[in-house]
Amino acid sequence: VGSHWSAVFEKLDLLANKFTQAFYERNWSGEFEPPVSHISIAEAYTVQDLIAERRVQRGEEVVGYKVGCTSEAIRSQFGLSESISGRLFSPHVYEEGAEVNWKNYVNCAIEPEMV
C-alpha cells in the first residue's frame, strides 16, 4: 500500500512541477503526461496544494480564495458534481480599472466568480 501511495504522490508532484513550469514560462502545450484527465478531483486538489506551496516559496502570497464552476451548466460541461475552489495569489489582484495584458496568461478564460 505504501509504495502505491508513493507512486501516486510522485505522479501528482510531477504534474505540479509541470503546471508550475508552464505557468511561469507561459507555455501550455495543452496536455501533460500523465494526462490530467486521469486524476480524481481529490488528486487535482493535491496538485493545487503542491503548486500553491511552490508559489509561496517564490514569494507570492495567498490573498483570498475563489469558487469556480458555480452554475449547473458549466459543471455539467466539465463533468463535475460540485463547484470547485482555489486560491488567489498576490500577483493577480488588480485595482478597478487596471489594464491586463492577455499575453501574460496562458489558456485564459473568464468566468464570473463569487467573491
PDB file of N, CA and C in Angstrom:
ATOM      1  N   VAL A   1       0.830  -1.194   0.000  1.00  0.00           N
ATOM      2  CA  VAL A   1       0.000   0.000   0.000  1.00  0.00           C
ATOM      3  C   VAL A   1       0.871   1.253   0.000  1.00  0.00           C
ATOM      4  N   GLY A   2       1.951   1.262   0.800  1.00  0.00           N
ATOM      5  CA  GLY A   2       2.823   2.423   0.886  1.00  0.00           C
ATOM      6  C   GLY A   2       3.444   2.794  -0.442  1.00  0.00           C
ATOM      7  N   SER A   3       3.887   1.780  -1.196  1.00  0.00           N
ATOM      8  CA  SER A   3       4.505   2.069  -2.489  1.00  0.00           C
ATOM      9  C   SER A   3       3.478   2.596  -3.490  1.00  0.00           C
ATOM     10  N   HIS A   4       2.211   2.138  -3.355  1.00  0.00           N
ATOM     11  CA  HIS A   4       1.147   2.651  -4.229  1.00  0.00           C
ATOM     12  C   HIS A   4       0.961   4.147  -4.003  1.00  0.00           C
ATOM     13  N   TRP A   5       0.837   4.556  -2.735  1.00  0.00           N
ATOM     14  CA  TRP A   5       0.624   5.972  -2.437  1.00  0.00           C
ATOM     15  C   TRP A   5       1.845   6.799  -2.798  1.00  0.00           C
ATOM     16  N   SER A   6       3.017   6.204  -2.644  1.00  0.00           N
ATOM     17  CA  SER A   6       4.237   6.895  -3.041  1.00  0.00           C
ATOM     18  C   SER A   6       4.232   7.149  -4.549  1.00  0.00           C
ATOM     19  N   ALA A   7       3.813   6.160  -5.319  1.00  0.00           N
ATOM     20  CA  ALA A   7       3.743   6.311  -6.779  1.00  0.00           C
ATOM     21  C   ALA A   7       2.694   7.345  -7.172  1.00  0.00           C
ATOM     22  N   VAL A   8       1.555   7.342  -6.477  1.00  0.00           N
ATOM     23  CA  VAL A   8       0.503   8.329  -6.749  1.00  0.00           C
ATOM     24  C   VAL A   8       1.029   9.726  -6.454  1.00  0.00           C
ATOM     25  N   PHE A   9       1.691   9.897  -5.304  1.00  0.00           N
ATOM     26  CA  PHE A   9       2.212  11.216  -4.949  1.00  0.00           C
ATOM     27  C   PHE A   9       3.267  11.664  -5.957  1.00  0.00           C
ATOM     28  N   GLU A  10       4.123  10.755  -6.383  1.00  0.00           N
ATOM     29  CA  GLU A  10       5.135  11.109  -7.387  1.00  0.00           C
ATOM     30  C   GLU A  10       4.476  11.623  -8.665  1.00  0.00           C
ATOM     31  N   LYS A  11       3.397  10.963  -9.086  1.00  0.00           N
ATOM     32  CA  LYS A  11       2.664  11.381 -10.290  1.00  0.00           C
ATOM     33  C   LYS A  11       2.086  12.784 -10.086  1.00  0.00           C
ATOM     34  N   LEU A  12       1.500  13.032  -8.916  1.00  0.00           N
ATOM     35  CA  LEU A  12       0.890  14.331  -8.649  1.00  0.00           C
ATOM     36  C   LEU A  12       1.952  15.413  -8.518  1.00  0.00           C
ATOM     37  N   ASP A  13       3.079  15.076  -7.901  1.00  0.00           N
ATOM     38  CA  ASP A  13       4.178  16.022  -7.761  1.00  0.00           C
ATOM     39  C   ASP A  13       4.742  16.382  -9.133  1.00  0.00           C
ATOM     40  N   LEU A  14       4.835  15.396 -10.023  1.00  0.00           N
ATOM     41  CA  LEU A  14       5.294  15.642 -11.390  1.00  0.00           C
ATOM     42  C   LEU A  14       4.342  16.594 -12.115  1.00  0.00           C
ATOM     43  N   LEU A  15       3.040  16.359 -11.971  1.00  0.00           N
ATOM     44  CA  LEU A  15       2.059  17.264 -12.575  1.00  0.00           C
ATOM     45  C   LEU A  15       2.194  18.672 -12.008  1.00  0.00           C
ATOM     46  N   ALA A  16       2.371  18.779 -10.696  1.00  0.00           N
ATOM     47  CA  ALA A  16       2.527  20.098 -10.070  1.00  0.00           C
ATOM     48  C   ALA A  16       3.752  20.806 -10.631  1.00  0.00           C
ATOM     49  N   ASN A  17       4.845  20.089 -10.799  1.00  0.00           N
ATOM     50  CA  ASN A  17       6.049  20.688 -11.384  1.00  0.00           C
ATOM     51  C   ASN A  17       5.792  21.159 -12.808  1.00  0.00           C
ATOM     52  N   LYS A  18       5.102  20.339 -13.595  1.00  0.00           N
ATOM     53  CA  LYS A  18       4.829  20.704 -14.989  1.00  0.00           C
ATOM     54  C   LYS A  18       3.898  21.912 -15.081  1.00  0.00           C
ATOM     55  N   PHE A  19       2.862  21.935 -14.246  1.00  0.00           N
ATOM     56  CA  PHE A  19       1.958  23.088 -14.240  1.00  0.00           C
ATOM     57  C   PHE A  19       2.692  24.350 -13.797  1.00  0.00           C
ATOM     58  N   THR A  20       3.510  24.230 -12.756  1.00  0.00           N
ATOM     59  CA  THR A  20       4.254  25.389 -12.261  1.00  0.00           C
ATOM     60  C   THR A  20       5.185  25.919 -13.341  1.00  0.00           C
ATOM     61  N   GLN A  21       5.896  25.026 -14.002  1.00  0.00           N
ATOM     62  CA  GLN A  21       6.799  25.431 -15.077  1.00  0.00           C
ATOM     63  C   GLN A  21       6.022  26.095 -16.217  1.00  0.00           C
ATOM     64  N   ALA A  22       4.924  25.487 -16.633  1.00  0.00           N
ATOM     65  CA  ALA A  22       4.113  26.057 -17.714  1.00  0.00           C
ATOM     66  C   ALA A  22       3.587  27.435 -17.326  1.00  0.00           C
ATOM     67  N   PHE A  23       3.192  27.590 -16.062  1.00  0.00           N
ATOM     68  CA  PHE A  23       2.656  28.863 -15.585  1.00  0.00           C
ATOM     69  C   PHE A  23       3.708  29.961 -15.670  1.00  0.00           C
ATOM     70  N   TYR A  24       4.886  29.710 -15.123  1.00  0.00           N
ATOM     71  CA  TYR A  24       5.913  30.750 -15.093  1.00  0.00           C
ATOM     72  C   TYR A  24       6.560  30.986 -16.454  1.00  0.00           C
ATOM     73  N   GLU A  25       6.591  29.968 -17.292  1.00  0.00           N
ATOM     74  CA  GLU A  25       7.154  30.133 -18.638  1.00  0.00           C
ATOM     75  C   GLU A  25       6.108  30.583 -19.652  1.00  0.00           C
ATOM     76  N   ARG A  26       4.840  30.615 -19.214  1.00  0.00           N
ATOM     77  CA  ARG A  26       3.716  30.967 -20.090  1.00  0.00           C
ATOM     78  C   ARG A  26       3.724  30.100 -21.344  1.00  0.00           C
ATOM     79  N   ASN A  27       3.840  28.816 -21.117  1.00  0.00           N
ATOM     80  CA  ASN A  27       3.946  27.874 -22.226  1.00  0.00           C
ATOM     81  C   ASN A  27       3.109  26.644 -21.911  1.00  0.00           C
ATOM     82  N   TRP A  28       1.908  26.591 -22.448  1.00  0.00           N
ATOM     83  CA  TRP A  28       0.977  25.494 -22.190  1.00  0.00           C
ATOM     84  C   TRP A  28       0.823  24.669 -23.452  1.00  0.00           C
ATOM     85  N   SER A  29       1.201  23.407 -23.383  1.00  0.00           N
ATOM     86  CA  SER A  29       1.126  22.532 -24.553  1.00  0.00           C
ATOM     87  C   SER A  29      -0.265  21.944 -24.755  1.00  0.00           C
ATOM     88  N   GLY A  30      -1.117  22.036 -23.750  1.00  0.00           N
ATOM     89  CA  GLY A  30      -2.471  21.514 -23.871  1.00  0.00           C
ATOM     90  C   GLY A  30      -2.710  20.249 -23.098  1.00  0.00           C
ATOM     91  N   GLU A  31      -1.688  19.468 -22.853  1.00  0.00           N
ATOM     92  CA  GLU A  31      -1.854  18.229 -22.079  1.00  0.00           C
ATOM     93  C   GLU A  31      -0.503  17.815 -21.526  1.00  0.00           C
ATOM     94  N   PHE A  32      -0.570  17.107 -20.428  1.00  0.00           N
ATOM     95  CA  PHE A  32       0.639  16.615 -19.785  1.00  0.00           C
ATOM     96  C   PHE A  32       0.613  15.105 -19.743  1.00  0.00           C
ATOM     97  N   GLU A  33       1.743  14.543 -19.469  1.00  0.00           N
ATOM     98  CA  GLU A  33       1.861  13.106 -19.243  1.00  0.00           C
ATOM     99  C   GLU A  33       2.345  12.936 -17.811  1.00  0.00           C
ATOM    100  N   PRO A  34       1.633  12.314 -16.932  1.00  0.00           N
ATOM    101  CA  PRO A  34       0.374  11.610 -17.116  1.00  0.00           C
ATOM    102  C   PRO A  34      -0.768  12.585 -17.409  1.00  0.00           C
ATOM    103  N   PRO A  35      -1.778  12.138 -18.148  1.00  0.00           N
ATOM    104  CA  PRO A  35      -2.892  13.017 -18.512  1.00  0.00           C
ATOM    105  C   PRO A  35      -3.663  13.522 -17.290  1.00  0.00           C
ATOM    106  N   VAL A  36      -3.957  14.790 -17.299  1.00  0.00           N
ATOM    107  CA  VAL A  36      -4.723  15.398 -16.214  1.00  0.00           C
ATOM    108  C   VAL A  36      -6.115  14.783 -16.137  1.00  0.00           C
ATOM    109  N   SER A  37      -6.641  14.383 -17.272  1.00  0.00           N
ATOM    110  CA  SER A  37      -7.990  13.812 -17.301  1.00  0.00           C
ATOM    111  C   SER A  37      -8.087  12.491 -16.542  1.00  0.00           C
ATOM    112  N   HIS A  38      -6.960  11.923 -16.170  1.00  0.00           N
ATOM    113  CA  HIS A  38      -6.956  10.640 -15.471  1.00  0.00           C
ATOM    114  C   HIS A  38      -6.833  10.771 -13.956  1.00  0.00           C
ATOM    115  N   ILE A  39      -6.896  11.986 -13.430  1.00  0.00           N
ATOM    116  CA  ILE A  39      -6.801  12.135 -11.976  1.00  0.00           C
ATOM    117  C   ILE A  39      -8.164  12.520 -11.402  1.00  0.00           C
ATOM    118  N   SER A  40      -8.352  12.190 -10.144  1.00  0.00           N
ATOM    119  CA  SER A  40      -9.612  12.491  -9.460  1.00  0.00           C
ATOM    120  C   SER A  40      -9.623  13.946  -8.996  1.00  0.00           C
ATOM    121  N   ILE A  41     -10.786  14.404  -8.564  1.00  0.00           N
ATOM    122  CA  ILE A  41     -10.892  15.758  -8.001  1.00  0.00           C
ATOM    123  C   ILE A  41      -9.991  15.879  -6.774  1.00  0.00           C
ATOM    124  N   ALA A  42      -9.991  14.865  -5.915  1.00  0.00           N
ATOM    125  CA  ALA A  42      -9.139  14.896  -4.717  1.00  0.00           C
ATOM    126  C   ALA A  42      -7.666  15.005  -5.110  1.00  0.00           C
ATOM    127  N   GLU A  43      -7.261  14.265  -6.141  1.00  0.00           N
ATOM    128  CA  GLU A  43      -5.875  14.351  -6.606  1.00  0.00           C
ATOM    129  C   GLU A  43      -5.593  15.720  -7.217  1.00  0.00           C
ATOM    130  N   ALA A  44      -6.567  16.278  -7.920  1.00  0.00           N
ATOM    131  CA  ALA A  44      -6.395  17.615  -8.500  1.00  0.00           C
ATOM    132  C   ALA A  44      -6.181  18.655  -7.404  1.00  0.00           C
ATOM    133  N   TYR A  45      -6.917  18.527  -6.307  1.00  0.00           N
ATOM    134  CA  TYR A  45      -6.707  19.451  -5.188  1.00  0.00           C
ATOM    135  C   TYR A  45      -5.333  19.253  -4.554  1.00  0.00           C
ATOM    136  N   THR A  46      -4.828  18.034  -4.539  1.00  0.00           N
ATOM    137  CA  THR A  46      -3.467  17.798  -4.043  1.00  0.00           C
ATOM    138  C   THR A  46      -2.461  18.501  -4.946  1.00  0.00           C
ATOM    139  N   VAL A  47      -2.653  18.404  -6.267  1.00  0.00           N
ATOM    140  CA  VAL A  47      -1.780  19.114  -7.206  1.00  0.00           C
ATOM    141  C   VAL A  47      -1.868  20.617  -6.945  1.00  0.00           C
ATOM    142  N   GLN A  48      -3.077  21.119  -6.739  1.00  0.00           N
ATOM    143  CA  GLN A  48      -3.255  22.542  -6.445  1.00  0.00           C
ATOM    144  C   GLN A  48      -2.491  22.937  -5.180  1.00  0.00           C
ATOM    145  N   ASP A  49      -2.558  22.105  -4.143  1.00  0.00           N
ATOM    146  CA  ASP A  49      -1.825  22.383  -2.902  1.00  0.00           C
ATOM    147  C   ASP A  49      -0.319  22.429  -3.148  1.00  0.00           C
ATOM    148  N   LEU A  50       0.184  21.496  -3.931  1.00  0.00           N
ATOM    149  CA  LEU A  50       1.618  21.460  -4.237  1.00  0.00           C
ATOM    150  C   LEU A  50       2.044  22.692  -5.030  1.00  0.00           C
ATOM    151  N   ILE A  51       1.221  23.107  -5.977  1.00  0.00           N
ATOM    152  CA  ILE A  51       1.527  24.318  -6.748  1.00  0.00           C
ATOM    153  C   ILE A  51       1.502  25.535  -5.835  1.00  0.00           C
ATOM    154  N   ALA A  52       0.524  25.602  -4.943  1.00  0.00           N
ATOM    155  CA  ALA A  52       0.442  26.725  -4.007  1.00  0.00           C
ATOM    156  C   ALA A  52       1.699  26.801  -3.151  1.00  0.00           C
ATOM    157  N   GLU A  53       2.187  25.665  -2.683  1.00  0.00           N
ATOM    158  CA  GLU A  53       3.428  25.647  -1.898  1.00  0.00           C
ATOM    159  C   GLU A  53       4.578  26.223  -2.708  1.00  0.00           C
ATOM    160  N   ARG A  54       4.676  25.849  -3.971  1.00  0.00           N
ATOM    161  CA  ARG A  54       5.758  26.346  -4.820  1.00  0.00           C
ATOM    162  C   ARG A  54       5.643  27.856  -5.037  1.00  0.00           C
ATOM    163  N   ARG A  55       4.432  28.340  -5.217  1.00  0.00           N
ATOM    164  CA  ARG A  55       4.238  29.775  -5.441  1.00  0.00           C
ATOM    165  C   ARG A  55       4.573  30.575  -4.186  1.00  0.00           C
ATOM    166  N   VAL A  56       4.192  30.068  -3.044  1.00  0.00           N
ATOM    167  CA  VAL A  56       4.522  30.740  -1.780  1.00  0.00           C
ATOM    168  C   VAL A  56       6.038  30.738  -1.579  1.00  0.00           C
ATOM    169  N   GLN A  57       6.690  29.637  -1.907  1.00  0.00           N
ATOM    170  CA  GLN A  57       8.153  29.571  -1.802  1.00  0.00           C
ATOM    171  C   GLN A  57       8.826  30.606  -2.700  1.00  0.00           C
ATOM    172  N   ARG A  58       8.159  30.991  -3.776  1.00  0.00           N
ATOM    173  CA  ARG A  58       8.703  32.008  -4.691  1.00  0.00           C
ATOM    174  C   ARG A  58       8.384  33.424  -4.222  1.00  0.00           C
ATOM    175  N   GLY A  59       7.690  33.542  -3.084  1.00  0.00           N
ATOM    176  CA  GLY A  59       7.416  34.858  -2.522  1.00  0.00           C
ATOM    177  C   GLY A  59       6.010  35.379  -2.749  1.00  0.00           C
ATOM    178  N   GLU A  60       5.170  34.616  -3.426  1.00  0.00           N
ATOM    179  CA  GLU A  60       3.791  35.045  -3.625  1.00  0.00           C
ATOM    180  C   GLU A  60       2.992  34.800  -2.349  1.00  0.00           C
ATOM    181  N   GLU A  61       1.939  35.569  -2.173  1.00  0.00           N
ATOM    182  CA  GLU A  61       1.069  35.414  -1.006  1.00  0.00           C
ATOM    183  C   GLU A  61      -0.324  34.993  -1.442  1.00  0.00           C
ATOM    184  N   VAL A  62      -0.930  34.129  -0.641  1.00  0.00           N
ATOM    185  CA  VAL A  62      -2.339  33.810  -0.838  1.00  0.00           C
ATOM    186  C   VAL A  62      -3.120  34.972  -0.240  1.00  0.00           C
ATOM    187  N   VAL A  63      -3.930  35.629  -1.074  1.00  0.00           N
ATOM    188  CA  VAL A  63      -4.669  36.807  -0.608  1.00  0.00           C
ATOM    189  C   VAL A  63      -6.174  36.569  -0.557  1.00  0.00           C
ATOM    190  N   GLY A  64      -6.597  35.394  -0.960  1.00  0.00           N
ATOM    191  CA  GLY A  64      -8.020  35.085  -0.930  1.00  0.00           C
ATOM    192  C   GLY A  64      -8.278  33.752  -1.595  1.00  0.00           C
ATOM    193  N   TYR A  65      -9.557  33.479  -1.763  1.00  0.00           N
ATOM    194  CA  TYR A  65      -9.977  32.210  -2.350  1.00  0.00           C
ATOM    195  C   TYR A  65     -11.046  32.481  -3.397  1.00  0.00           C
ATOM    196  N   LYS A  66     -11.218  31.547  -4.312  1.00  0.00           N
ATOM    197  CA  LYS A  66     -12.214  31.714  -5.362  1.00  0.00           C
ATOM    198  C   LYS A  66     -13.015  30.429  -5.510  1.00  0.00           C
ATOM    199  N   VAL A  67     -14.198  30.581  -6.059  1.00  0.00           N
ATOM    200  CA  VAL A  67     -15.069  29.449  -6.347  1.00  0.00           C
ATOM    201  C   VAL A  67     -15.340  29.480  -7.841  1.00  0.00           C
ATOM    202  N   GLY A  68     -15.230  28.340  -8.491  1.00  0.00           N
ATOM    203  CA  GLY A  68     -15.470  28.262  -9.923  1.00  0.00           C
ATOM    204  C   GLY A  68     -16.508  27.210 -10.252  1.00  0.00           C
ATOM    205  N   CYS A  69     -16.951  27.247 -11.465  1.00  0.00           N
ATOM    206  CA  CYS A  69     -17.960  26.285 -11.949  1.00  0.00           C
ATOM    207  C   CYS A  69     -19.182  26.303 -11.040  1.00  0.00           C
ATOM    208  N   THR A  70     -19.700  27.504 -10.813  1.00  0.00           N
ATOM    209  CA  THR A  70     -20.819  27.653  -9.881  1.00  0.00           C
ATOM    210  C   THR A  70     -22.169  27.333 -10.513  1.00  0.00           C
ATOM    211  N   SER A  71     -22.243  27.314 -11.835  1.00  0.00           N
ATOM    212  CA  SER A  71     -23.530  27.006 -12.472  1.00  0.00           C
ATOM    213  C   SER A  71     -23.596  25.527 -12.847  1.00  0.00           C
ATOM    214  N   GLU A  72     -24.797  25.005 -12.836  1.00  0.00           N
ATOM    215  CA  GLU A  72     -25.012  23.603 -13.206  1.00  0.00           C
ATOM    216  C   GLU A  72     -24.550  23.346 -14.638  1.00  0.00           C
ATOM    217  N   ALA A  73     -24.774  24.308 -15.527  1.00  0.00           N
ATOM    218  CA  ALA A  73     -24.394  24.136 -16.933  1.00  0.00           C
ATOM    219  C   ALA A  73     -22.886  23.942 -17.078  1.00  0.00           C
ATOM    220  N   ILE A  74     -22.104  24.765 -16.410  1.00  0.00           N
ATOM    221  CA  ILE A  74     -20.643  24.651 -16.547  1.00  0.00           C
ATOM    222  C   ILE A  74     -20.134  23.400 -15.845  1.00  0.00           C
ATOM    223  N   ARG A  75     -20.745  23.039 -14.699  1.00  0.00           N
ATOM    224  CA  ARG A  75     -20.344  21.799 -14.021  1.00  0.00           C
ATOM    225  C   ARG A  75     -20.629  20.596 -14.917  1.00  0.00           C
ATOM    226  N   SER A  76     -21.764  20.607 -15.571  1.00  0.00           N
ATOM    227  CA  SER A  76     -22.127  19.520 -16.481  1.00  0.00           C
ATOM    228  C   SER A  76     -21.136  19.432 -17.639  1.00  0.00           C
ATOM    229  N   GLN A  77     -20.745  20.583 -18.164  1.00  0.00           N
ATOM    230  CA  GLN A  77     -19.788  20.627 -19.273  1.00  0.00           C
ATOM    231  C   GLN A  77     -18.474  19.956 -18.896  1.00  0.00           C
ATOM    232  N   PHE A  78     -18.044  20.137 -17.638  1.00  0.00           N
ATOM    233  CA  PHE A  78     -16.768  19.581 -17.190  1.00  0.00           C
ATOM    234  C   PHE A  78     -16.919  18.280 -16.408  1.00  0.00           C
ATOM    235  N   GLY A  79     -18.138  17.778 -16.290  1.00  0.00           N
ATOM    236  CA  GLY A  79     -18.354  16.522 -15.588  1.00  0.00           C
ATOM    237  C   GLY A  79     -18.160  16.612 -14.088  1.00  0.00           C
ATOM    238  N   LEU A  80     -18.489  17.762 -13.521  1.00  0.00           N
ATOM    239  CA  LEU A  80     -18.317  17.979 -12.083  1.00  0.00           C
ATOM    240  C   LEU A  80     -19.649  17.869 -11.361  1.00  0.00           C
ATOM    241  N   SER A  81     -19.607  17.384 -10.143  1.00  0.00           N
ATOM    242  CA  SER A  81     -20.831  17.282  -9.345  1.00  0.00           C
ATOM    243  C   SER A  81     -20.984  18.454  -8.385  1.00  0.00           C
ATOM    244  N   GLU A  82     -19.918  19.226  -8.210  1.00  0.00           N
ATOM    245  CA  GLU A  82     -19.980  20.385  -7.311  1.00  0.00           C
ATOM    246  C   GLU A  82     -19.023  21.464  -7.798  1.00  0.00           C
ATOM    247  N   SER A  83     -19.174  22.660  -7.243  1.00  0.00           N
ATOM    248  CA  SER A  83     -18.282  23.763  -7.587  1.00  0.00           C
ATOM    249  C   SER A  83     -16.865  23.420  -7.152  1.00  0.00           C
ATOM    250  N   ILE A  84     -15.907  24.113  -7.732  1.00  0.00           N
ATOM    251  CA  ILE A  84     -14.506  23.911  -7.372  1.00  0.00           C
ATOM    252  C   ILE A  84     -13.983  25.179  -6.716  1.00  0.00           C
ATOM    253  N   SER A  85     -12.874  25.070  -6.016  1.00  0.00           N
ATOM    254  CA  SER A  85     -12.319  26.240  -5.338  1.00  0.00           C
ATOM    255  C   SER A  85     -10.816  26.303  -5.547  1.00  0.00           C
ATOM    256  N   GLY A  86     -10.282  27.486  -5.344  1.00  0.00           N
ATOM    257  CA  GLY A  86      -8.844  27.686  -5.490  1.00  0.00           C
ATOM    258  C   GLY A  86      -8.401  28.927  -4.754  1.00  0.00           C
ATOM    259  N   ARG A  87      -7.113  29.150  -4.766  1.00  0.00           N
ATOM    260  CA  ARG A  87      -6.525  30.295  -4.078  1.00  0.00           C
ATOM    261  C   ARG A  87      -6.306  31.451  -5.057  1.00  0.00           C
ATOM    262  N   LEU A  88      -6.374  32.659  -4.527  1.00  0.00           N
ATOM    263  CA  LEU A  88      -5.991  33.858  -5.272  1.00  0.00           C
ATOM    264  C   LEU A  88      -4.630  34.292  -4.745  1.00  0.00           C
ATOM    265  N   PHE A  89      -3.707  34.567  -5.645  1.00  0.00           N
ATOM    266  CA  PHE A  89      -2.358  34.960  -5.258  1.00  0.00           C
ATOM    267  C   PHE A  89      -2.122  36.440  -5.533  1.00  0.00           C
ATOM    268  N   SER A  90      -1.242  37.024  -4.743  1.00  0.00           N
ATOM    269  CA  SER A  90      -0.976  38.460  -4.781  1.00  0.00           C
ATOM    270  C   SER A  90      -0.688  39.025  -6.171  1.00  0.00           C
ATOM    271  N   PRO A  91       0.055  38.356  -7.041  1.00  0.00           N
ATOM    272  CA  PRO A  91       0.329  38.972  -8.344  1.00  0.00           C
ATOM    273  C   PRO A  91      -0.897  39.129  -9.237  1.00  0.00           C
ATOM    274  N   HIS A  92      -2.008  38.519  -8.861  1.00  0.00           N
ATOM    275  CA  HIS A  92      -3.172  38.521  -9.743  1.00  0.00           C
ATOM    276  C   HIS A  92      -4.357  39.274  -9.162  1.00  0.00           C
ATOM    277  N   VAL A  93      -4.067  40.220  -8.309  1.00  0.00           N
ATOM    278  CA  VAL A  93      -5.107  41.093  -7.772  1.00  0.00           C
ATOM    279  C   VAL A  93      -4.855  42.476  -8.362  1.00  0.00           C
ATOM    280  N   TYR A  94      -5.866  43.010  -9.028  1.00  0.00           N
ATOM    281  CA  TYR A  94      -5.731  44.289  -9.710  1.00  0.00           C
ATOM    282  C   TYR A  94      -6.750  45.273  -9.168  1.00  0.00           C
ATOM    283  N   GLU A  95      -6.391  46.529  -9.191  1.00  0.00           N
ATOM    284  CA  GLU A  95      -7.315  47.589  -8.812  1.00  0.00           C
ATOM    285  C   GLU A  95      -8.346  47.769  -9.918  1.00  0.00           C
ATOM    286  N   GLU A  96      -9.497  48.278  -9.556  1.00  0.00           N
ATOM    287  CA  GLU A  96     -10.536  48.552 -10.544  1.00  0.00           C
ATOM    288  C   GLU A  96      -9.980  49.460 -11.631  1.00  0.00           C
ATOM    289  N   GLY A  97     -10.280  49.123 -12.864  1.00  0.00           N
ATOM    290  CA  GLY A  97      -9.836  49.931 -13.994  1.00  0.00           C
ATOM    291  C   GLY A  97      -8.456  49.562 -14.524  1.00  0.00           C
ATOM    292  N   ALA A  98      -7.784  48.631 -13.880  1.00  0.00           N
ATOM    293  CA  ALA A  98      -6.453  48.231 -14.339  1.00  0.00           C
ATOM    294  C   ALA A  98      -6.555  47.556 -15.703  1.00  0.00           C
ATOM    295  N   GLU A  99      -5.555  47.766 -16.535  1.00  0.00           N
ATOM    296  CA  GLU A  99      -5.495  47.091 -17.825  1.00  0.00           C
ATOM    297  C   GLU A  99      -4.653  45.834 -17.672  1.00  0.00           C
ATOM    298  N   VAL A 100      -5.166  44.738 -18.195  1.00  0.00           N
ATOM    299  CA  VAL A 100      -4.494  43.448 -18.083  1.00  0.00           C
ATOM    300  C   VAL A 100      -4.074  43.004 -19.477  1.00  0.00           C
ATOM    301  N   ASN A 101      -2.831  42.626 -19.623  1.00  0.00           N
ATOM    302  CA  ASN A 101      -2.306  42.177 -20.906  1.00  0.00           C
ATOM    303  C   ASN A 101      -2.543  40.672 -21.049  1.00  0.00           C
ATOM    304  N   TRP A 102      -3.342  40.282 -22.022  1.00  0.00           N
ATOM    305  CA  TRP A 102      -3.668  38.871 -22.243  1.00  0.00           C
ATOM    306  C   TRP A 102      -2.429  38.041 -22.517  1.00  0.00           C
ATOM    307  N   LYS A 103      -1.366  38.653 -23.038  1.00  0.00           N
ATOM    308  CA  LYS A 103      -0.139  37.918 -23.342  1.00  0.00           C
ATOM    309  C   LYS A 103       0.550  37.396 -22.083  1.00  0.00           C
ATOM    310  N   ASN A 104       0.149  37.910 -20.919  1.00  0.00           N
ATOM    311  CA  ASN A 104       0.734  37.451 -19.660  1.00  0.00           C
ATOM    312  C   ASN A 104       0.078  36.181 -19.140  1.00  0.00           C
ATOM    313  N   TYR A 105      -0.893  35.660 -19.873  1.00  0.00           N
ATOM    314  CA  TYR A 105      -1.641  34.488 -19.412  1.00  0.00           C
ATOM    315  C   TYR A 105      -1.665  33.429 -20.499  1.00  0.00           C
ATOM    316  N   VAL A 106      -1.795  32.197 -20.078  1.00  0.00           N
ATOM    317  CA  VAL A 106      -1.849  31.068 -20.999  1.00  0.00           C
ATOM    318  C   VAL A 106      -3.190  30.379 -20.823  1.00  0.00           C
ATOM    319  N   ASN A 107      -3.849  30.088 -21.929  1.00  0.00           N
ATOM    320  CA  ASN A 107      -5.121  29.364 -21.883  1.00  0.00           C
ATOM    321  C   ASN A 107      -6.123  30.085 -20.981  1.00  0.00           C
ATOM    322  N   CYS A 108      -6.186  31.384 -21.139  1.00  0.00           N
ATOM    323  CA  CYS A 108      -7.008  32.221 -20.266  1.00  0.00           C
ATOM    324  C   CYS A 108      -8.490  32.082 -20.595  1.00  0.00           C
ATOM    325  N   ALA A 109      -9.292  32.041 -19.559  1.00  0.00           N
ATOM    326  CA  ALA A 109     -10.748  32.026 -19.697  1.00  0.00           C
ATOM    327  C   ALA A 109     -11.319  32.928 -18.617  1.00  0.00           C
ATOM    328  N   ILE A 110     -12.449  33.504 -18.889  1.00  0.00           N
ATOM    329  CA  ILE A 110     -13.098  34.374 -17.910  1.00  0.00           C
ATOM    330  C   ILE A 110     -14.410  33.737 -17.506  1.00  0.00           C
ATOM    331  N   GLU A 111     -14.618  33.661 -16.218  1.00  0.00           N
ATOM    332  CA  GLU A 111     -15.873  33.162 -15.665  1.00  0.00           C
ATOM    333  C   GLU A 111     -16.224  34.064 -14.496  1.00  0.00           C
ATOM    334  N   PRO A 112     -17.438  34.591 -14.471  1.00  0.00           N
ATOM    335  CA  PRO A 112     -17.820  35.392 -13.309  1.00  0.00           C
ATOM    336  C   PRO A 112     -17.692  34.538 -12.047  1.00  0.00           C
ATOM    337  N   GLU A 113     -17.091  35.097 -11.020  1.00  0.00           N
ATOM    338  CA  GLU A 113     -16.862  34.359  -9.778  1.00  0.00           C
ATOM    339  C   GLU A 113     -17.563  35.039  -8.614  1.00  0.00           C
ATOM    340  N   MET A 114     -17.978  34.254  -7.653  1.00  0.00           N
ATOM    341  CA  MET A 114     -18.491  34.807  -6.400  1.00  0.00           C
ATOM    342  C   MET A 114     -17.285  35.089  -5.515  1.00  0.00           C
ATOM    343  N   VAL A 115     -17.211  36.288  -4.973  1.00  0.00           N
ATOM    344  CA  VAL A 115     -16.070  36.639  -4.128  1.00  0.00           C
ATOM    345  C   VAL A 115     -16.562  36.964  -2.736  1.00  0.00           C
TER     346      VAL A 115
END
